[in-house]
Protein backbone atom coordinates (compact mmCIF):
# COMPACT_ATOMS: atom_id res chain seq x y z
CA MET A 1 0.17 0.03 -0.13
CA ALA A 2 1.29 3.64 -1.22
CA LEU A 3 1.69 5.96 1.64
CA LEU A 4 1.26 9.82 0.88
CA GLN A 5 4.46 11.44 1.83
CA PRO A 6 5.64 14.82 1.22
CA ARG A 7 8.37 15.33 -1.76
CA LEU A 8 10.51 17.89 -3.57
CA ASN A 9 10.10 18.23 -7.13
CA LEU A 10 11.96 20.51 -9.49
CA LYS A 11 9.96 21.75 -12.63
CA VAL A 12 11.14 24.59 -15.39
CA ALA A 13 8.27 26.61 -16.76
CA GLN A 14 8.03 30.03 -18.67
CA ARG A 15 5.73 32.48 -17.82
CA GLN A 16 4.99 36.07 -18.49
CA VAL A 17 4.78 38.58 -15.32
CA LEU A 18 4.21 41.84 -15.16
CA THR A 19 6.41 44.06 -12.99
CA PRO A 20 4.69 47.24 -10.85
CA GLY A 21 6.04 49.42 -13.26
CA LEU A 22 4.73 47.49 -16.64
CA MET A 23 1.47 47.22 -14.85
CA GLN A 24 1.17 50.98 -14.11
CA MET A 25 2.39 51.96 -17.73
CA VAL A 26 -0.33 49.61 -19.20
CA SER A 27 -2.83 51.04 -17.10
CA VAL A 28 -1.64 54.74 -17.61
CA LEU A 29 -2.30 54.17 -21.38
CA ALA A 30 -5.84 52.86 -21.12
CA LEU A 31 -6.76 56.18 -19.43
CA ASN A 32 -8.03 59.38 -20.95
CA LYS A 33 -7.84 63.23 -20.19
CA LEU A 34 -9.84 63.09 -17.15
CA GLU A 35 -8.98 60.13 -15.76
CA LEU A 36 -5.15 60.72 -16.10
CA LYS A 37 -5.65 64.14 -14.33
CA GLU A 38 -7.21 62.15 -11.45
CA MET A 39 -4.49 59.76 -11.23
CA ILE A 40 -1.84 62.76 -11.38
CA ASP A 41 -3.55 64.20 -8.43
CA ALA A 42 -3.90 61.19 -6.10
CA GLU A 43 0.14 60.67 -7.12
CA MET A 44 1.05 63.63 -6.06
CA VAL A 45 -1.01 63.67 -2.65
CA GLU A 46 0.64 60.19 -1.88
CA ASN A 47 4.34 61.27 -3.27
CA PRO A 48 5.92 64.54 -1.72
CA VAL A 49 8.57 64.28 -4.50
CA LEU A 50 6.35 65.21 -7.18
CA GLU A 51 5.87 68.71 -7.30
CA GLU A 52 3.69 70.63 -9.96
CA ILE A 53 5.27 73.21 -11.98
CA ASP A 54 3.00 76.57 -12.02
CA GLU A 55 4.94 78.92 -14.30
CA SER A 56 2.98 82.16 -12.51
CA VAL A 57 4.32 81.39 -8.80
CA PRO A 58 8.19 80.91 -8.22
CA MET A 59 8.46 77.39 -6.49
CA LEU A 60 10.25 77.39 -2.97
CA ASP A 61 13.42 75.65 -4.29
CA GLU A 62 13.54 78.12 -6.95
CA VAL A 63 13.27 81.17 -4.58
CA ALA A 64 15.95 79.29 -2.06
CA SER A 65 18.40 78.48 -4.80
CA ARG A 66 17.92 82.32 -6.50
CA GLN A 67 18.94 83.45 -2.93
CA GLU A 68 21.81 81.25 -2.48
CA GLN A 69 23.17 82.54 -5.93
CA ASP A 70 22.59 86.34 -5.41
CA LEU A 71 24.47 85.43 -2.13
CA HIS A 72 27.23 84.09 -3.17
CA ALA A 73 27.70 86.63 -6.20
CA GLU A 74 27.22 89.29 -3.67
CA ARG A 75 30.55 87.71 -1.75
CA ILE A 76 32.54 87.67 -4.72
CA ASP A 77 31.74 91.03 -5.49
CA GLY A 78 32.29 92.62 -2.18
CA GLN A 79 35.65 90.93 -2.08
CA ALA A 80 36.79 92.63 -5.39
CA ASP A 81 35.59 95.83 -4.99
CA ALA A 82 31.82 97.13 -3.79
CA PRO A 83 31.59 100.71 -3.95
CA THR A 84 27.95 100.57 -4.40
CA GLU A 85 25.87 97.82 -2.86
CA PRO A 86 23.52 96.15 -5.58
CA LYS A 87 19.90 95.84 -4.80
CA ASP A 88 18.89 92.62 -3.49
CA PRO A 89 16.57 90.76 -5.84
CA PHE A 90 15.37 88.55 -2.75
CA ASN A 91 13.93 91.95 -1.22
CA GLU A 92 11.80 92.37 -4.68
CA ILE A 93 10.05 88.91 -4.21
CA ASP A 94 6.14 89.66 -2.49
CA PHE A 95 6.30 87.07 0.03
CA GLY A 96 2.97 88.41 1.80
CA SER A 97 0.87 87.47 -1.34
CA TYR A 98 2.81 84.38 -1.68
CA PHE A 99 2.33 83.01 1.51
CA GLN A 100 -1.51 84.11 1.97
CA GLU A 101 -2.14 82.39 -1.29
CA TYR A 102 -0.41 78.93 -0.79
CA LEU A 103 -0.32 78.50 3.03
CA ASP A 104 -2.91 78.63 5.46
CA PRO A 105 -3.38 81.60 6.95
CA GLY A 106 -5.99 80.81 9.27
CA TYR A 107 -9.20 82.96 9.59
CA ARG A 108 -9.48 85.56 6.66
CA THR A 109 -11.76 88.35 6.81
CA GLN A 110 -15.10 88.75 4.29
CA PRO A 111 -14.02 91.19 2.12
CA GLU A 112 -10.61 89.53 1.45
CA TYR A 113 -11.87 85.80 1.03
CA GLU A 114 -15.21 85.75 -0.02
CA ASP A 115 -17.49 87.29 -2.48
CA SER A 116 -20.78 87.34 -1.22
CA GLU A 117 -22.32 88.63 -4.50
CA LYS A 118 -21.44 85.13 -5.72
CA PRO A 119 -24.15 82.72 -5.94
CA SER A 120 -24.15 79.44 -4.01
CA PHE A 121 -23.09 76.21 -5.84
CA GLU A 122 -26.19 74.56 -4.05
CA ASN A 123 -28.21 76.63 -6.87
CA PHE A 124 -26.30 74.76 -9.58
CA LEU A 125 -26.29 71.64 -8.22
CA SER A 126 -29.10 69.07 -8.09
CA GLN A 127 -29.94 65.14 -7.22
CA PRO A 128 -31.91 63.82 -10.11
CA THR A 129 -34.46 61.69 -8.95
CA THR A 130 -35.13 58.43 -9.14
CA LEU A 131 -38.42 56.03 -10.05
CA SER A 132 -37.98 55.14 -6.09
CA ASP A 133 -37.60 58.71 -4.59
CA HIS A 134 -40.88 59.74 -7.13
CA LEU A 135 -43.00 56.77 -5.56
CA ALA A 136 -41.78 57.26 -2.57
CA TRP A 137 -42.67 61.03 -2.45
CA GLN A 138 -45.95 60.04 -3.62
CA LEU A 139 -46.54 57.49 -0.92
CA GLY A 140 -45.54 59.94 1.62
CA ALA A 141 -48.54 62.32 0.51
CA LEU A 142 -51.01 59.91 1.63
CA THR A 143 -52.44 59.09 4.69
CA LEU A 144 -52.39 55.24 4.93
CA GLU A 145 -52.34 52.13 7.35
CA PRO A 146 -48.80 51.57 8.82
CA GLU A 147 -49.01 48.04 7.74
CA LEU A 148 -49.89 48.94 4.08
CA GLU A 149 -47.32 51.73 4.39
CA ILE A 150 -44.83 49.24 4.78
CA ALA A 151 -45.95 46.80 2.21
CA ALA A 152 -45.65 49.52 -0.53
CA ASP A 153 -42.29 50.81 0.64
CA PHE A 154 -40.97 47.04 0.70
CA ILE A 155 -42.46 46.75 -3.03
CA ILE A 156 -41.44 49.89 -4.05
CA GLY A 157 -37.85 48.81 -2.90
CA ASN A 158 -38.43 45.42 -5.15
CA LEU A 159 -38.75 47.67 -8.36
CA ASP A 160 -36.08 47.05 -11.12
CA GLU A 161 -34.79 50.36 -13.17
CA ASP A 162 -37.74 50.01 -15.68
CA GLY A 163 -40.50 49.57 -12.84
CA TYR A 164 -41.33 46.06 -13.31
CA LEU A 165 -41.96 43.73 -10.35
CA SER A 166 -39.07 41.05 -11.44
CA VAL A 167 -39.28 38.76 -8.25
CA GLY A 168 -42.03 36.17 -7.84
CA HIS A 169 -44.80 36.35 -5.34
CA GLU A 170 -43.68 33.60 -3.09
CA GLU A 171 -39.89 34.96 -2.86
CA LEU A 172 -41.64 38.25 -2.09
CA ILE A 173 -43.60 36.85 0.61
CA GLU A 174 -40.41 34.80 2.23
CA ALA A 175 -38.46 38.51 2.02
CA PHE A 176 -41.20 40.41 4.05
CA ALA A 177 -41.43 37.43 6.63
CA GLN A 178 -37.96 38.13 7.63
CA PHE A 179 -38.66 41.54 8.90
CA PRO A 180 -38.82 41.80 12.74
CA GLU A 181 -42.71 42.88 12.79
CA ASN A 182 -43.50 40.37 10.82
CA GLN A 183 -42.14 37.24 12.93
CA GLY A 184 -44.59 34.93 13.64
CA ARG A 185 -47.41 36.06 11.18
CA ALA A 186 -49.56 33.75 9.27
CA LYS A 187 -48.57 33.45 5.40
CA GLU A 188 -52.06 34.13 4.14
CA ALA A 189 -52.03 37.50 6.32
CA LEU A 190 -48.33 38.33 5.02
CA SER A 191 -49.66 37.39 1.09
CA GLU A 192 -52.66 39.85 1.54
CA GLN A 193 -50.33 42.48 2.96
CA VAL A 194 -48.30 42.01 -0.18
CA ARG A 195 -51.01 42.03 -2.39
CA ARG A 196 -52.32 45.16 -1.28
CA GLY A 197 -49.13 46.64 -1.30
CA ILE A 198 -48.74 45.86 -4.92
CA ASP A 199 -52.35 47.21 -5.80
CA LEU A 200 -51.27 50.66 -4.41
CA VAL A 201 -47.87 50.60 -6.14
CA GLN A 202 -49.88 50.20 -9.64
CA HIS A 203 -52.30 53.09 -8.91
CA LEU A 204 -49.35 55.62 -8.38
CA ASP A 205 -47.19 57.43 -11.12
CA PRO A 206 -46.43 56.42 -13.68
CA ALA A 207 -48.60 54.15 -14.57
CA GLY A 208 -47.62 50.56 -15.08
CA VAL A 209 -45.13 50.23 -12.32
CA GLY A 210 -45.49 47.50 -9.91
CA ALA A 211 -46.34 44.89 -13.10
CA THR A 212 -44.86 41.75 -13.49
CA ASP A 213 -44.85 41.37 -17.20
CA LEU A 214 -45.21 43.71 -20.23
CA ARG A 215 -48.97 42.30 -20.53
CA GLU A 216 -49.88 43.39 -16.88
CA CYS A 217 -47.86 46.50 -17.60
CA LEU A 218 -50.07 47.77 -20.53
CA LEU A 219 -53.36 46.62 -18.93
CA VAL A 220 -52.53 48.71 -15.96
CA GLN A 221 -51.92 51.73 -18.07
CA ILE A 222 -55.46 51.31 -19.99
CA SER A 223 -57.35 50.79 -16.76
CA ALA A 224 -55.90 53.73 -15.91
CA GLN A 225 -56.98 55.97 -18.96
CA GLN A 226 -60.12 54.35 -18.99
CA THR A 227 -61.02 55.37 -15.01
CA GLU A 228 -59.70 58.86 -16.23
CA LEU A 229 -62.24 58.48 -19.09
CA ASP A 230 -65.12 57.49 -16.75
CA HIS A 231 -64.60 60.71 -14.85
CA VAL A 232 -64.62 62.61 -18.02
CA TYR A 233 -67.96 60.93 -19.09
CA ALA A 234 -69.41 61.68 -15.50
CA ARG A 235 -68.69 65.37 -15.49
CA HIS A 236 -69.79 65.81 -18.99
CA GLY A 237 -73.31 64.26 -17.97
CA GLU A 238 -73.48 66.64 -14.92
CA ASN A 239 -73.47 69.25 -17.60
CA GLU A 240 -76.09 67.83 -19.77
CA HIS A 241 -78.76 67.99 -17.06
CA GLU A 242 -78.12 71.80 -16.89
CA ASP A 243 -81.07 74.05 -17.94
CA PRO A 244 -79.82 75.09 -21.70
CA SER A 245 -79.44 78.57 -21.77
CA PRO A 246 -81.59 80.69 -24.25
CA GLU A 247 -78.06 81.60 -26.03
CA ALA A 248 -77.43 78.11 -26.56
CA THR A 249 -77.18 77.64 -30.23
CA ALA A 250 -76.94 74.86 -33.10
CA VAL A 251 -73.50 75.38 -33.26
CA VAL A 252 -72.70 74.48 -29.04
CA ALA A 253 -75.46 71.22 -30.37
CA SER A 254 -73.32 70.18 -32.76
CA LEU A 255 -69.80 70.94 -31.04
CA ARG A 256 -71.22 68.43 -27.95
CA ALA A 257 -72.26 66.01 -30.52
CA GLU A 258 -68.69 65.72 -31.78
CA ALA A 259 -67.39 65.26 -28.57
CA ASP A 260 -69.31 62.61 -27.39
CA ALA A 261 -68.69 60.89 -31.10
CA LYS A 262 -64.86 61.54 -30.01
CA LEU A 263 -65.02 60.19 -26.40
CA LEU A 264 -67.16 57.23 -27.63
CA GLU A 265 -64.50 56.26 -30.11
CA ARG A 266 -61.44 56.43 -27.77
CA ARG A 267 -63.54 54.39 -24.99
CA ARG A 268 -64.05 51.78 -28.16
CA ALA A 269 -60.41 52.18 -28.70
CA MET A 270 -59.30 51.14 -25.05
CA GLU A 271 -61.69 48.13 -24.81
CA VAL A 272 -60.08 46.88 -28.21
CA ALA A 273 -56.65 47.34 -26.98
CA ALA A 274 -57.08 45.58 -23.90
CA GLN A 275 -58.72 42.90 -25.78
CA ILE A 276 -55.54 42.83 -27.80
CA VAL A 277 -53.14 43.31 -25.00
CA GLN A 278 -55.15 40.33 -23.24
CA GLY A 279 -54.79 37.63 -25.41
CA HIS A 280 -53.21 38.26 -28.42
CA LEU A 281 -49.82 40.18 -28.18
CA GLN A 282 -48.16 37.69 -30.79
CA LEU A 283 -50.75 38.88 -33.43
CA LEU A 284 -49.95 42.60 -32.43
CA GLN A 285 -45.92 42.36 -32.78
CA LYS A 286 -47.01 40.48 -36.48
CA ARG A 287 -48.82 43.92 -37.19
CA ASP A 288 -51.65 41.69 -38.82
CA VAL A 289 -54.69 44.40 -38.24
CA LYS A 290 -56.96 41.95 -40.23
CA ASP A 291 -56.26 38.81 -38.16
CA LEU A 292 -56.55 40.98 -35.38
CA ALA A 293 -60.19 42.07 -36.29
CA LYS A 294 -60.65 38.44 -37.14
CA ALA A 295 -59.88 37.48 -34.00
CA LEU A 296 -61.29 40.26 -31.85
CA HIS A 297 -64.83 40.02 -34.29
CA VAL A 298 -64.85 43.75 -34.84
CA THR A 299 -63.98 45.40 -38.04
CA PRO A 300 -60.48 46.15 -39.32
CA GLU A 301 -61.11 50.32 -38.36
CA GLU A 302 -61.41 49.18 -34.51
CA ALA A 303 -58.51 46.97 -34.69
CA HIS A 304 -56.59 49.84 -35.97
CA ALA A 305 -57.74 52.31 -33.48
CA GLY A 306 -56.66 49.88 -30.70
CA VAL A 307 -53.09 49.29 -32.12
CA GLU A 308 -52.43 52.78 -32.49
CA PHE A 309 -53.64 53.45 -28.91
CA ILE A 310 -51.54 50.87 -27.52
CA ARG A 311 -48.64 52.46 -29.45
CA THR A 312 -49.07 55.34 -27.15
CA LEU A 313 -48.86 53.75 -24.15
CA GLU A 314 -45.26 53.10 -22.35
CA PRO A 315 -43.66 49.82 -22.23
CA ARG A 316 -40.83 50.71 -19.48
CA PRO A 317 -42.75 53.23 -16.90
CA GLY A 318 -39.42 53.56 -15.37
CA ARG A 319 -37.49 54.83 -17.93
CA LEU A 320 -38.18 58.61 -17.44
CA TYR A 321 -36.68 58.61 -14.02
CA ASN A 322 -33.85 55.95 -14.65
CA ARG A 323 -31.86 57.78 -17.28
CA GLU A 324 -28.07 57.49 -17.54
CA GLN A 325 -26.71 60.47 -16.68
CA THR A 326 -24.54 62.45 -19.44
CA ARG A 327 -20.88 61.64 -19.61
CA LEU A 328 -18.59 64.16 -19.51
CA ILE A 329 -16.67 64.09 -22.65
CA GLU A 330 -12.96 66.01 -23.08
CA PRO A 331 -11.19 65.55 -26.13
CA ASP A 332 -7.39 63.95 -25.88
CA VAL A 333 -6.30 64.84 -29.35
CA VAL A 334 -6.84 67.61 -31.79
CA PHE A 335 -6.77 67.10 -35.59
CA THR A 336 -5.78 70.38 -37.19
CA LYS A 337 -5.01 71.82 -40.80
CA ARG A 338 -1.93 74.14 -40.87
CA GLY A 339 -0.68 74.63 -44.26
CA GLY A 340 -2.51 71.94 -46.29
CA GLU A 341 -1.20 69.41 -43.56
CA TRP A 342 -3.09 67.78 -40.96
CA VAL A 343 -1.43 68.16 -37.30
CA VAL A 344 -1.92 66.12 -34.61
CA SER A 345 -1.38 67.85 -30.91
CA MET A 346 -2.38 66.37 -27.55
CA ASN A 347 -4.98 68.27 -25.51
CA GLU A 348 -2.77 68.91 -22.33
CA GLU A 349 -4.93 71.90 -21.07
CA ASP A 350 -5.40 71.59 -17.28
CA LEU A 351 -3.13 68.95 -17.08
CA PRO A 352 -0.57 69.21 -14.44
CA SER A 353 2.95 69.43 -15.48
CA LEU A 354 5.30 67.36 -13.09
CA ARG A 355 8.75 67.52 -11.68
CA LEU A 356 11.13 66.22 -9.10
CA SER A 357 11.34 67.69 -6.05
CA ALA A 358 15.11 69.62 -5.75
CA ARG A 359 14.56 70.16 -2.11
CA TYR A 360 14.16 66.15 -1.48
CA ARG A 361 17.06 65.50 -4.08
CA ARG A 362 19.34 67.78 -1.67
CA MET A 363 18.20 65.35 1.36
CA LEU A 364 19.97 62.12 -0.56
CA THR A 365 23.37 63.58 -0.75
CA SER A 366 22.83 65.60 2.92
CA ASP A 367 25.13 63.99 5.44
CA GLY A 368 22.67 64.77 8.18
CA THR A 369 19.73 62.76 6.55
CA GLU A 370 18.73 59.32 8.46
CA LYS A 371 19.45 56.27 6.61
CA GLU A 372 15.67 54.96 6.72
CA VAL A 373 14.84 58.48 5.41
CA LYS A 374 16.84 58.06 2.42
CA GLU A 375 15.75 54.81 1.26
CA TYR A 376 12.22 56.24 1.99
CA VAL A 377 12.98 58.91 -0.41
CA LYS A 378 14.78 56.90 -3.00
CA GLU A 379 11.81 54.34 -3.20
CA ARG A 380 9.46 57.67 -3.77
CA PHE A 381 11.93 59.35 -6.74
CA ARG A 382 11.51 55.40 -8.27
CA SER A 383 7.97 55.65 -8.12
CA ALA A 384 8.03 59.36 -9.63
CA MET A 385 10.41 58.92 -12.07
CA GLN A 386 8.36 55.53 -13.57
CA LEU A 387 4.96 57.58 -13.40
CA MET A 388 6.88 60.39 -15.50
CA ARG A 389 8.18 57.87 -18.03
CA ASN A 390 5.07 56.30 -18.07
CA ILE A 391 3.08 59.14 -18.99
CA ALA A 392 5.79 60.28 -21.66
CA GLN A 393 5.25 56.85 -23.00
CA ARG A 394 1.61 57.34 -23.32
CA LYS A 395 1.50 60.77 -24.96
CA SER A 396 4.01 59.39 -27.59
CA THR A 397 1.77 56.08 -28.44
CA ILE A 398 -1.46 57.88 -28.93
CA LEU A 399 0.43 60.65 -31.05
CA ARG A 400 1.89 57.97 -33.32
CA THR A 401 -1.41 56.00 -33.23
CA CYS A 402 -3.20 59.60 -34.18
CA GLU A 403 -0.50 60.72 -37.01
CA ILE A 404 -1.33 57.12 -38.86
CA ILE A 405 -5.23 57.63 -38.22
CA VAL A 406 -5.05 61.09 -39.76
CA ARG A 407 -2.99 59.86 -42.84
CA ARG A 408 -5.43 57.15 -43.33
CA GLN A 409 -8.44 59.25 -42.94
CA GLN A 410 -7.80 62.35 -44.45
CA ASP A 411 -10.65 62.08 -46.90
CA PHE A 412 -13.08 61.56 -44.05
CA LEU A 413 -11.47 64.63 -42.18
CA ASP A 414 -11.87 66.83 -45.41
CA GLN A 415 -15.60 65.50 -46.52
CA GLY A 416 -17.22 63.73 -44.19
CA ILE A 417 -18.60 60.06 -43.17
CA GLU A 418 -19.04 59.12 -46.64
CA ALA A 419 -15.57 58.90 -47.16
CA LEU A 420 -14.33 57.17 -43.99
CA ARG A 421 -12.08 54.17 -45.56
CA PRO A 422 -11.67 51.01 -43.50
CA MET A 423 -8.95 50.73 -41.05
CA MET A 424 -8.05 47.77 -38.72
CA ILE A 425 -6.30 48.09 -35.42
CA LYS A 426 -3.83 45.41 -36.41
CA GLU A 427 -2.42 47.05 -39.22
CA VAL A 428 -1.66 50.11 -37.34
CA ALA A 429 -0.01 48.38 -34.45
CA GLU A 430 2.13 46.92 -37.23
CA GLU A 431 3.11 50.08 -38.71
CA ILE A 432 4.36 51.75 -35.41
CA GLY A 433 5.75 48.90 -34.35
CA VAL A 434 3.74 47.64 -31.08
CA HIS A 435 1.10 45.03 -30.00
CA PRO A 436 -2.64 45.22 -31.25
CA SER A 437 -3.79 45.46 -27.56
CA THR A 438 -1.38 48.04 -27.03
CA VAL A 439 -3.26 50.16 -29.82
CA SER A 440 -6.48 48.90 -28.59
CA ARG A 441 -5.40 50.47 -25.14
CA ALA A 442 -4.51 53.75 -26.68
CA VAL A 443 -7.71 54.81 -28.61
CA ALA A 444 -9.86 53.45 -25.73
CA ASN A 445 -12.51 55.63 -24.45
CA LYS A 446 -10.41 58.83 -26.10
CA TYR A 447 -11.91 61.27 -28.30
CA ALA A 448 -10.49 63.44 -31.13
CA HIS A 449 -11.41 67.09 -31.71
CA THR A 450 -11.73 67.14 -35.85
CA PRO A 451 -13.50 69.69 -38.12
CA GLN A 452 -16.29 66.74 -37.95
CA GLY A 453 -16.95 67.13 -34.43
CA VAL A 454 -15.57 65.37 -31.37
CA ILE A 455 -15.37 61.46 -32.54
CA GLU A 456 -14.31 58.92 -30.51
CA LEU A 457 -10.89 57.57 -31.58
CA ARG A 458 -12.24 53.78 -32.02
CA PHE A 459 -14.98 54.98 -34.55
CA PHE A 460 -12.06 55.52 -36.99
CA PHE A 461 -11.64 51.64 -36.99
CA SER A 462 -13.97 49.48 -38.99
CA GLU A 463 -13.69 46.26 -41.22
CA GLY A 464 -14.20 46.55 -44.92
CA ALA A 465 -16.95 44.20 -46.62
CA ASN A 466 -15.97 40.80 -48.29
CA GLY A 467 -15.62 40.77 -52.25
CA PRO A 468 -13.34 42.62 -54.11
CA GLU A 469 -15.55 45.80 -55.27
CA GLY A 470 -16.80 46.28 -51.44
CA ALA A 471 -13.53 45.75 -50.10
CA ASP A 472 -12.88 49.76 -49.69
CA THR A 473 -16.44 50.32 -47.91
CA PRO A 474 -15.99 50.16 -43.77
CA LEU A 475 -18.92 48.04 -42.13
CA LEU A 476 -20.21 51.27 -40.43
CA LEU A 477 -21.03 52.92 -43.92
CA LEU A 478 -22.80 49.21 -44.86
CA LYS A 479 -24.84 49.43 -42.14
CA ARG A 480 -26.23 52.50 -43.05
CA LYS A 481 -26.70 52.00 -46.76
CA VAL A 482 -28.55 48.97 -45.58
CA ARG A 483 -30.85 51.27 -43.03
CA LYS A 484 -31.17 53.91 -45.95
CA LEU A 485 -32.79 51.37 -47.95
CA ILE A 486 -35.56 50.08 -45.62
CA ASP A 487 -36.08 53.59 -44.51
CA ASP A 488 -36.70 54.38 -48.11
CA GLU A 489 -38.66 50.91 -48.67
CA ASN A 490 -42.74 51.33 -49.26
CA PRO A 491 -43.96 49.58 -45.66
CA ARG A 492 -46.93 47.79 -47.53
CA HIS A 493 -44.13 46.22 -49.96
CA PRO A 494 -40.83 46.11 -47.43
CA LEU A 495 -37.62 44.82 -48.79
CA THR A 496 -36.04 41.29 -48.24
CA ASP A 497 -32.91 40.78 -47.50
CA ASP A 498 -32.09 39.41 -50.95
CA GLN A 499 -33.57 42.40 -52.65
CA ILE A 500 -31.36 44.81 -50.61
CA ALA A 501 -28.33 42.26 -51.17
CA SER A 502 -28.82 42.81 -55.04
CA GLU A 503 -29.36 46.46 -54.63
CA LEU A 504 -26.09 46.68 -52.99
CA GLN A 505 -24.68 44.50 -55.52
CA ASN A 506 -25.61 46.84 -58.33
CA GLN A 507 -23.78 49.95 -56.75
CA GLY A 508 -20.76 47.58 -56.71
CA ILE A 509 -20.67 46.29 -53.11
CA GLN A 510 -20.82 42.32 -52.88
CA LEU A 511 -22.93 40.99 -49.77
CA THR A 512 -24.96 37.74 -49.39
CA ARG A 513 -28.03 37.59 -48.15
CA ARG A 514 -27.03 36.30 -44.87
CA THR A 515 -24.48 39.10 -44.70
CA VAL A 516 -27.41 41.64 -44.79
CA ALA A 517 -29.29 39.55 -42.41
CA LYS A 518 -26.86 39.93 -40.08
CA TYR A 519 -26.26 43.81 -40.42
CA ARG A 520 -29.86 43.99 -40.10
CA GLU A 521 -30.40 42.01 -36.70
CA ASP A 522 -27.38 44.18 -35.32
CA MET A 523 -29.34 47.58 -35.72
CA ASN A 524 -32.53 45.79 -34.21
CA ILE A 525 -34.43 46.28 -37.56
CA PRO A 526 -37.47 43.81 -37.81
CA SER A 527 -37.94 41.03 -40.51
CA THR A 528 -39.64 41.89 -43.65
CA HIS A 529 -42.70 40.09 -42.45
CA GLN A 530 -42.55 41.90 -39.29
CA ARG A 531 -42.15 45.42 -41.26
CA ARG A 532 -44.60 44.73 -43.64
CA GLN A 533 -47.89 47.07 -42.78
CA ARG A 534 -51.20 45.53 -43.81
CA ASP A 535 -54.32 47.27 -45.33
CA ALA A 536 -56.57 47.86 -42.35
């Protein structure tokens, strides 16, 4: 019987290990301008060796060095002959304003430090209202039983960003039973409390929140509009009971009859829409009005009115309150034309210019500095120099990449998107002699300011179409051509994928039906059958 025993084995293997400096170089290359500025600011706080160069303000090291040079020059001149003592430039420095601006002077008076006429930043900053905030605000405005309010608040907390209650009923009850105040309560009582909470949330604004699926969401919205229309009918009936005034004319009677007809027509459209949503969503997806009319036993005109009413409903009621925040974009590079040639320049405005502190350099050569302090300063110097090299390497890589982009896409910069040419990341990487992943990081999340607008650098990279004649057409333009053909088609006789491929072949672009179908699906364009609009 073999026994388990510890053994020592030697194994030779190759593996790639990224040093901290190489990892930082990779991460710095992938940063855009705003992210790089944040990183530099954080490094300056952490590393005291790094200093920001400000041309408008003298640095302490420069002042001290200038003072030593002036004193040394004075000694030499004094030893030779000094009939007149030169003016000391050290006395010309306004140290009062310098220290007041860059050192903490403690308390400052109101006229010196603040401008009372400036508005507060609180007048400009606002927190966007989320769906949960909007529903909670409505809940707080109601007078409810404590149990119902707790249940409604629980339901609001389980809604997704579109306003749907995606959690199952049993799972909701189990989670609701975990509340301390619900310990030991019967499951039937908790189920009824949750049901009342869902019903209350579904009566809040926007209509349709709290639904478990699309069908229920649309039915809740239809029911809310039917209730509102019933209130309009009720007020209209009360007005009819009033005694007609002598001034009543035939015109007023005609307008009232027209209003009654429109109200009846809208009510009928709601009824048909509810029937479609209740059991015929598949026919609605096919946009087959005739089949809908036959299934509902209504006229094609009524079926068409019901479909048009459904189009006014919101399938995602929470979308209004959960919009993505606008992302701030600042170009990293600028493409400008000077003397007939395109020039690439880095946008380094607001980026700190770094340098190494001379004061800490003197600490390394001073005999009075402790050994541990010297080791710490050396390590900080190595880290600072590595960061500065990586920033310079990032600038060089981006500039070389953009110079190739400009050279290959000059027609696009001059004429517009129709002149865009296909270009691959691999081709650019081979031209500048780096790995394709390096070019990919160099253009990631970075933008260029061009005569055609602020454009993401990845926009310039697009593969060409298959075929000898279509090889010069980038994928982006091909999709635009497919979309334009579909937009210009006859809705009652939409183009098939074969017809679109044939039309593009007539334009010199060799594409197959399968490729057209792939491009159409990528752009979320329905099929021919789904796009066809049949006669009502």
